[in-house]
Every structure is written in structure tokens, then in C-alpha cells.
């Protein structure tokens, strides 16, 4: 029976040490974040908090919201994300240009035997630009970037 315990400890100990080291090294990424950086914290309870970093210690991140500074222990966090304010203008303009170009290339080939050819091509290019602008807006993304995820969150 004692040899079974030795085998279990020999097999399980490296796994537990590996998980602790991974959590510590991942928390180091949180500790490297600058004060004032905008973050979103997902708690193990399912609640989400937004704010700016006041400071980070080895045990907790201090989140400054509009009214107060809150300490959130690392064992309460399921995920921590940095948030960048993303402009929607650039992706919309790029999408619009790509949509107009694609429609401008395809329209003359498909509409060359139609009456009112120029108006049909112009309308198709405008429609392509509109569709491209919509795709660009949807493709802009959320601006969130994962920094830390607890072992429970995986």
C-alpha cells in the first residue's frame, strides 16, 4: 500500500507544481500592466467589472471604477482583459472601398448587355460599397485582449 502512495505522489506532484508555476507566470503578465490601463475583469461568480488599473500586487489587482477602488484577489478572477478603444471609422472606410472595388470589377461583366448600363454599374458599385461598409463595421472587433485566465476558466 505504501508503494502506491509513493507512486501517486511521484506522478501527481509535478502536475500540481506545474499548475502553480503556470498560474504564477500568467499572473506576472497582469503585474506588468501599467497603472491607468483600461481592463475588464470576469469574476468566478459570473460578474464582470470594468475600470482602470490602480495598481497590481502578487495577490490582487486594484480596479479603479468611477466611484471607488476595489481589490480583486487573483483567486476570484476567471479572466482579465485589456480594453482598447477602437475606432469604427477605419474598418468601415476600408470595407466600403473593398466592396466598391469588388462590385466595380464584377458589375461590367454581368451587366454589359443591360439597358441603362452606366446607371446599373453605378448602382451596383454603391450597393457594394454599402455592403462592404457593413462588413467592415462588423469586423472591427471588440478591442479586448486576454491577459490572464485562471485554471478554472479554461
C-alpha atoms as a PDB file:
ATOM      1  CA  UNK A   1       0.000   0.000   0.000  1.00  0.00           C
ATOM      2  CA  UNK A   2       2.819   2.381   0.773  1.00  0.00           C
ATOM      3  CA  UNK A   3       4.351   1.919  -2.685  1.00  0.00           C
ATOM      4  CA  UNK A   4       1.028   3.002  -4.197  1.00  0.00           C
ATOM      5  CA  UNK A   5       1.184   6.251  -2.193  1.00  0.00           C
ATOM      6  CA  UNK A   6       4.740   6.879  -3.370  1.00  0.00           C
ATOM      7  CA  UNK A   7       3.718   6.327  -6.989  1.00  0.00           C
ATOM      8  CA  UNK A   8       0.708   8.662  -6.646  1.00  0.00           C
ATOM      9  CA  UNK A   9       2.833  11.402  -5.051  1.00  0.00           C
ATOM     10  CA  UNK A  10       5.536  10.935  -7.685  1.00  0.00           C
ATOM     11  CA  UNK A  11       3.029  11.267 -10.517  1.00  0.00           C
ATOM     12  CA  UNK A  12       0.759  13.991  -9.080  1.00  0.00           C
ATOM     13  CA  UNK A  13       3.329  16.326  -7.512  1.00  0.00           C
ATOM     14  CA  UNK A  14       4.862  17.512 -10.822  1.00  0.00           C
ATOM     15  CA  UNK A  15       1.341  18.181 -12.167  1.00  0.00           C
ATOM     16  CA  UNK A  16       0.420  20.328  -9.157  1.00  0.00           C
ATOM     17  CA  UNK A  17       3.718  22.214  -9.220  1.00  0.00           C
ATOM     18  CA  UNK A  18       3.301  22.800 -12.974  1.00  0.00           C
ATOM     19  CA  UNK A  19      -0.162  24.296 -12.485  1.00  0.00           C
ATOM     20  CA  UNK A  20       1.078  26.575  -9.700  1.00  0.00           C
ATOM     21  CA  UNK A  21       4.003  27.743 -11.834  1.00  0.00           C
ATOM     22  CA  UNK A  22       1.706  28.390 -14.811  1.00  0.00           C
ATOM     23  CA  UNK A  23      -0.699  30.427 -12.685  1.00  0.00           C
ATOM     24  CA  UNK A  24       2.208  32.415 -11.227  1.00  0.00           C
ATOM     25  CA  UNK A  25       3.748  33.141 -14.621  1.00  0.00           C
ATOM     26  CA  UNK A  26       0.360  34.163 -16.042  1.00  0.00           C
ATOM     27  CA  UNK A  27      -0.216  36.495 -13.084  1.00  0.00           C
ATOM     28  CA  UNK A  28       3.161  38.076 -13.884  1.00  0.00           C
ATOM     29  CA  UNK A  29       1.567  39.281 -17.143  1.00  0.00           C
ATOM     30  CA  UNK A  30      -1.105  41.044 -15.070  1.00  0.00           C
ATOM     31  CA  UNK A  31       1.553  42.556 -12.794  1.00  0.00           C
ATOM     32  CA  UNK A  32       3.294  44.020 -15.838  1.00  0.00           C
ATOM     33  CA  UNK A  33       0.222  46.097 -16.784  1.00  0.00           C
ATOM     34  CA  UNK A  34       0.588  49.825 -16.256  1.00  0.00           C
ATOM     35  CA  UNK A  35      -1.484  51.875 -13.853  1.00  0.00           C
ATOM     36  CA  UNK A  36      -4.364  53.594 -15.623  1.00  0.00           C
ATOM     37  CA  UNK A  37      -4.759  50.861 -18.250  1.00  0.00           C
ATOM     38  CA  UNK A  38      -8.394  50.079 -19.045  1.00  0.00           C
ATOM     39  CA  UNK A  39      -9.376  46.493 -18.150  1.00  0.00           C
ATOM     40  CA  UNK A  40     -12.341  44.162 -17.881  1.00  0.00           C
ATOM     41  CA  UNK A  41     -12.342  41.520 -15.138  1.00  0.00           C
ATOM     42  CA  UNK A  42     -14.561  38.421 -15.306  1.00  0.00           C
ATOM     43  CA  UNK A  43     -15.119  37.019 -11.847  1.00  0.00           C
ATOM     44  CA  UNK A  44     -15.630  33.354 -10.979  1.00  0.00           C
ATOM     45  CA  UNK A  45     -19.154  34.309  -9.847  1.00  0.00           C
ATOM     46  CA  UNK A  46     -20.032  35.368 -13.405  1.00  0.00           C
ATOM     47  CA  UNK A  47     -19.992  39.098 -12.675  1.00  0.00           C
ATOM     48  CA  UNK A  48     -17.951  41.438 -14.911  1.00  0.00           C
ATOM     49  CA  UNK A  49     -16.182  44.573 -13.670  1.00  0.00           C
ATOM     50  CA  UNK A  50     -14.768  47.381 -15.825  1.00  0.00           C
ATOM     51  CA  UNK A  51     -12.356  50.118 -14.869  1.00  0.00           C
ATOM     52  CA  UNK A  52      -8.744  51.251 -14.827  1.00  0.00           C
ATOM     53  CA  UNK A  53      -5.850  49.634 -13.012  1.00  0.00           C
ATOM     54  CA  UNK A  54      -4.878  51.482  -9.855  1.00  0.00           C
ATOM     55  CA  UNK A  55      -2.104  49.008  -9.042  1.00  0.00           C
ATOM     56  CA  UNK A  56      -1.376  45.258  -9.020  1.00  0.00           C
ATOM     57  CA  UNK A  57       0.217  43.139  -6.280  1.00  0.00           C
ATOM     58  CA  UNK A  58       1.173  39.462  -6.144  1.00  0.00           C
ATOM     59  CA  UNK A  59      -2.244  38.669  -4.637  1.00  0.00           C
ATOM     60  CA  UNK A  60      -4.698  41.130  -6.186  1.00  0.00           C
ATOM     61  CA  UNK A  61      -5.486  43.711  -8.817  1.00  0.00           C
ATOM     62  CA  UNK A  62      -6.866  47.043  -7.633  1.00  0.00           C
ATOM     63  CA  UNK A  63      -9.520  48.280 -10.030  1.00  0.00           C
ATOM     64  CA  UNK A  64     -10.480  51.928 -10.032  1.00  0.00           C
ATOM     65  CA  UNK A  65     -14.075  52.470 -11.108  1.00  0.00           C
ATOM     66  CA  UNK A  66     -15.934  55.777 -11.284  1.00  0.00           C
ATOM     67  CA  UNK A  67     -16.718  55.877  -7.585  1.00  0.00           C
ATOM     68  CA  UNK A  68     -14.201  53.660  -5.770  1.00  0.00           C
ATOM     69  CA  UNK A  69     -11.130  51.435  -5.905  1.00  0.00           C
ATOM     70  CA  UNK A  70     -11.866  47.735  -5.468  1.00  0.00           C
ATOM     71  CA  UNK A  71      -9.368  44.982  -4.583  1.00  0.00           C
ATOM     72  CA  UNK A  72      -9.963  41.776  -6.544  1.00  0.00           C
ATOM     73  CA  UNK A  73      -7.959  38.748  -5.401  1.00  0.00           C
ATOM     74  CA  UNK A  74      -6.437  36.642  -8.165  1.00  0.00           C
ATOM     75  CA  UNK A  75      -8.327  33.534  -6.989  1.00  0.00           C
ATOM     76  CA  UNK A  76     -11.639  35.390  -7.596  1.00  0.00           C
ATOM     77  CA  UNK A  77     -10.760  36.154 -11.230  1.00  0.00           C
ATOM     78  CA  UNK A  78     -11.675  33.816 -14.070  1.00  0.00           C
ATOM     79  CA  UNK A  79     -10.391  36.145 -16.807  1.00  0.00           C
ATOM     80  CA  UNK A  80      -8.772  39.560 -17.186  1.00  0.00           C
ATOM     81  CA  UNK A  81      -8.774  41.511 -20.456  1.00  0.00           C
ATOM     82  CA  UNK A  82      -7.214  44.773 -21.560  1.00  0.00           C
ATOM     83  CA  UNK A  83      -9.601  47.015 -23.438  1.00  0.00           C
ATOM     84  CA  UNK A  84      -8.541  49.306 -26.242  1.00  0.00           C
ATOM     85  CA  UNK A  85     -10.868  51.958 -27.557  1.00  0.00           C
ATOM     86  CA  UNK A  86     -11.308  51.030 -31.191  1.00  0.00           C
ATOM     87  CA  UNK A  87     -12.470  53.422 -33.852  1.00  0.00           C
ATOM     88  CA  UNK A  88     -15.149  52.156 -36.217  1.00  0.00           C
ATOM     89  CA  UNK A  89     -14.279  54.664 -38.965  1.00  0.00           C
ATOM     90  CA  UNK A  90     -11.186  52.964 -40.407  1.00  0.00           C
ATOM     91  CA  UNK A  91     -12.733  49.466 -40.817  1.00  0.00           C
ATOM     92  CA  UNK A  92     -15.877  51.000 -42.355  1.00  0.00           C
ATOM     93  CA  UNK A  93     -13.856  53.006 -44.882  1.00  0.00           C
ATOM     94  CA  UNK A  94     -11.700  50.007 -45.806  1.00  0.00           C
ATOM     95  CA  UNK A  95     -14.754  47.751 -46.121  1.00  0.00           C
ATOM     96  CA  UNK A  96     -16.526  50.337 -48.243  1.00  0.00           C
ATOM     97  CA  UNK A  97     -13.534  50.668 -50.591  1.00  0.00           C
ATOM     98  CA  UNK A  98     -13.150  46.888 -50.945  1.00  0.00           C
ATOM     99  CA  UNK A  99     -16.891  46.439 -51.552  1.00  0.00           C
ATOM    100  CA  UNK A 100     -16.957  49.206 -54.175  1.00  0.00           C
ATOM    101  CA  UNK A 101     -13.884  47.776 -55.921  1.00  0.00           C
ATOM    102  CA  UNK A 102     -15.306  44.250 -55.980  1.00  0.00           C
ATOM    103  CA  UNK A 103     -18.629  45.478 -57.322  1.00  0.00           C
ATOM    104  CA  UNK A 104     -16.841  47.728 -59.831  1.00  0.00           C
ATOM    105  CA  UNK A 105     -14.937  44.748 -61.194  1.00  0.00           C
ATOM    106  CA  UNK A 106     -17.916  42.371 -61.263  1.00  0.00           C
ATOM    107  CA  UNK A 107     -20.658  44.755 -62.474  1.00  0.00           C
ATOM    108  CA  UNK A 108     -19.396  45.486 -66.005  1.00  0.00           C
ATOM    109  CA  UNK A 109     -19.074  41.761 -66.755  1.00  0.00           C
ATOM    110  CA  UNK A 110     -22.544  40.857 -65.549  1.00  0.00           C
ATOM    111  CA  UNK A 111     -24.440  43.939 -66.730  1.00  0.00           C
ATOM    112  CA  UNK A 112     -22.859  44.652 -70.122  1.00  0.00           C
ATOM    113  CA  UNK A 113     -25.973  43.628 -72.101  1.00  0.00           C
ATOM    114  CA  UNK A 114     -28.453  45.549 -69.942  1.00  0.00           C
ATOM    115  CA  UNK A 115     -30.099  48.823 -70.876  1.00  0.00           C
ATOM    116  CA  UNK A 116     -29.068  51.765 -68.747  1.00  0.00           C
ATOM    117  CA  UNK A 117     -25.681  50.149 -68.356  1.00  0.00           C
ATOM    118  CA  UNK A 118     -23.887  53.097 -66.669  1.00  0.00           C
ATOM    119  CA  UNK A 119     -26.602  53.623 -64.067  1.00  0.00           C
ATOM    120  CA  UNK A 120     -26.729  49.915 -63.284  1.00  0.00           C
ATOM    121  CA  UNK A 121     -22.961  49.761 -62.786  1.00  0.00           C
ATOM    122  CA  UNK A 122     -23.003  52.881 -60.586  1.00  0.00           C
ATOM    123  CA  UNK A 123     -25.849  51.462 -58.507  1.00  0.00           C
ATOM    124  CA  UNK A 124     -24.049  48.130 -58.148  1.00  0.00           C
ATOM    125  CA  UNK A 125     -20.831  49.875 -57.052  1.00  0.00           C
ATOM    126  CA  UNK A 126     -22.758  51.945 -54.479  1.00  0.00           C
ATOM    127  CA  UNK A 127     -24.511  48.823 -53.213  1.00  0.00           C
ATOM    128  CA  UNK A 128     -21.131  47.013 -52.978  1.00  0.00           C
ATOM    129  CA  UNK A 129     -19.706  49.943 -51.013  1.00  0.00           C
ATOM    130  CA  UNK A 130     -22.666  49.805 -48.617  1.00  0.00           C
ATOM    131  CA  UNK A 131     -22.306  46.063 -48.085  1.00  0.00           C
ATOM    132  CA  UNK A 132     -18.536  46.449 -47.614  1.00  0.00           C
ATOM    133  CA  UNK A 133     -19.069  49.220 -45.046  1.00  0.00           C
ATOM    134  CA  UNK A 134     -21.393  46.950 -43.073  1.00  0.00           C
ATOM    135  CA  UNK A 135     -18.907  44.080 -43.153  1.00  0.00           C
ATOM    136  CA  UNK A 136     -16.126  46.465 -42.077  1.00  0.00           C
ATOM    137  CA  UNK A 137     -18.176  47.671 -39.129  1.00  0.00           C
ATOM    138  CA  UNK A 138     -18.923  44.110 -38.010  1.00  0.00           C
ATOM    139  CA  UNK A 139     -15.267  43.065 -38.434  1.00  0.00           C
ATOM    140  CA  UNK A 140     -13.839  45.844 -36.252  1.00  0.00           C
ATOM    141  CA  UNK A 141     -13.796  43.581 -33.189  1.00  0.00           C
ATOM    142  CA  UNK A 142     -14.316  44.321 -29.535  1.00  0.00           C
ATOM    143  CA  UNK A 143     -10.865  45.654 -28.701  1.00  0.00           C
ATOM    144  CA  UNK A 144     -10.498  43.136 -25.839  1.00  0.00           C
ATOM    145  CA  UNK A 145      -7.286  41.177 -25.396  1.00  0.00           C
ATOM    146  CA  UNK A 146      -6.950  38.294 -22.909  1.00  0.00           C
ATOM    147  CA  UNK A 147      -4.150  38.827 -20.381  1.00  0.00           C
ATOM    148  CA  UNK A 148      -4.975  36.272 -17.661  1.00  0.00           C
ATOM    149  CA  UNK A 149      -7.239  33.252 -17.392  1.00  0.00           C
ATOM    150  CA  UNK A 150      -7.450  31.127 -14.260  1.00  0.00           C
ATOM    151  CA  UNK A 151      -7.174  27.356 -14.423  1.00  0.00           C
ATOM    152  CA  UNK A 152     -10.904  27.192 -13.584  1.00  0.00           C
ATOM    153  CA  UNK A 153     -11.769  29.392 -16.577  1.00  0.00           C
ATOM    154  CA  UNK A 154     -10.246  27.007 -19.111  1.00  0.00           C
END
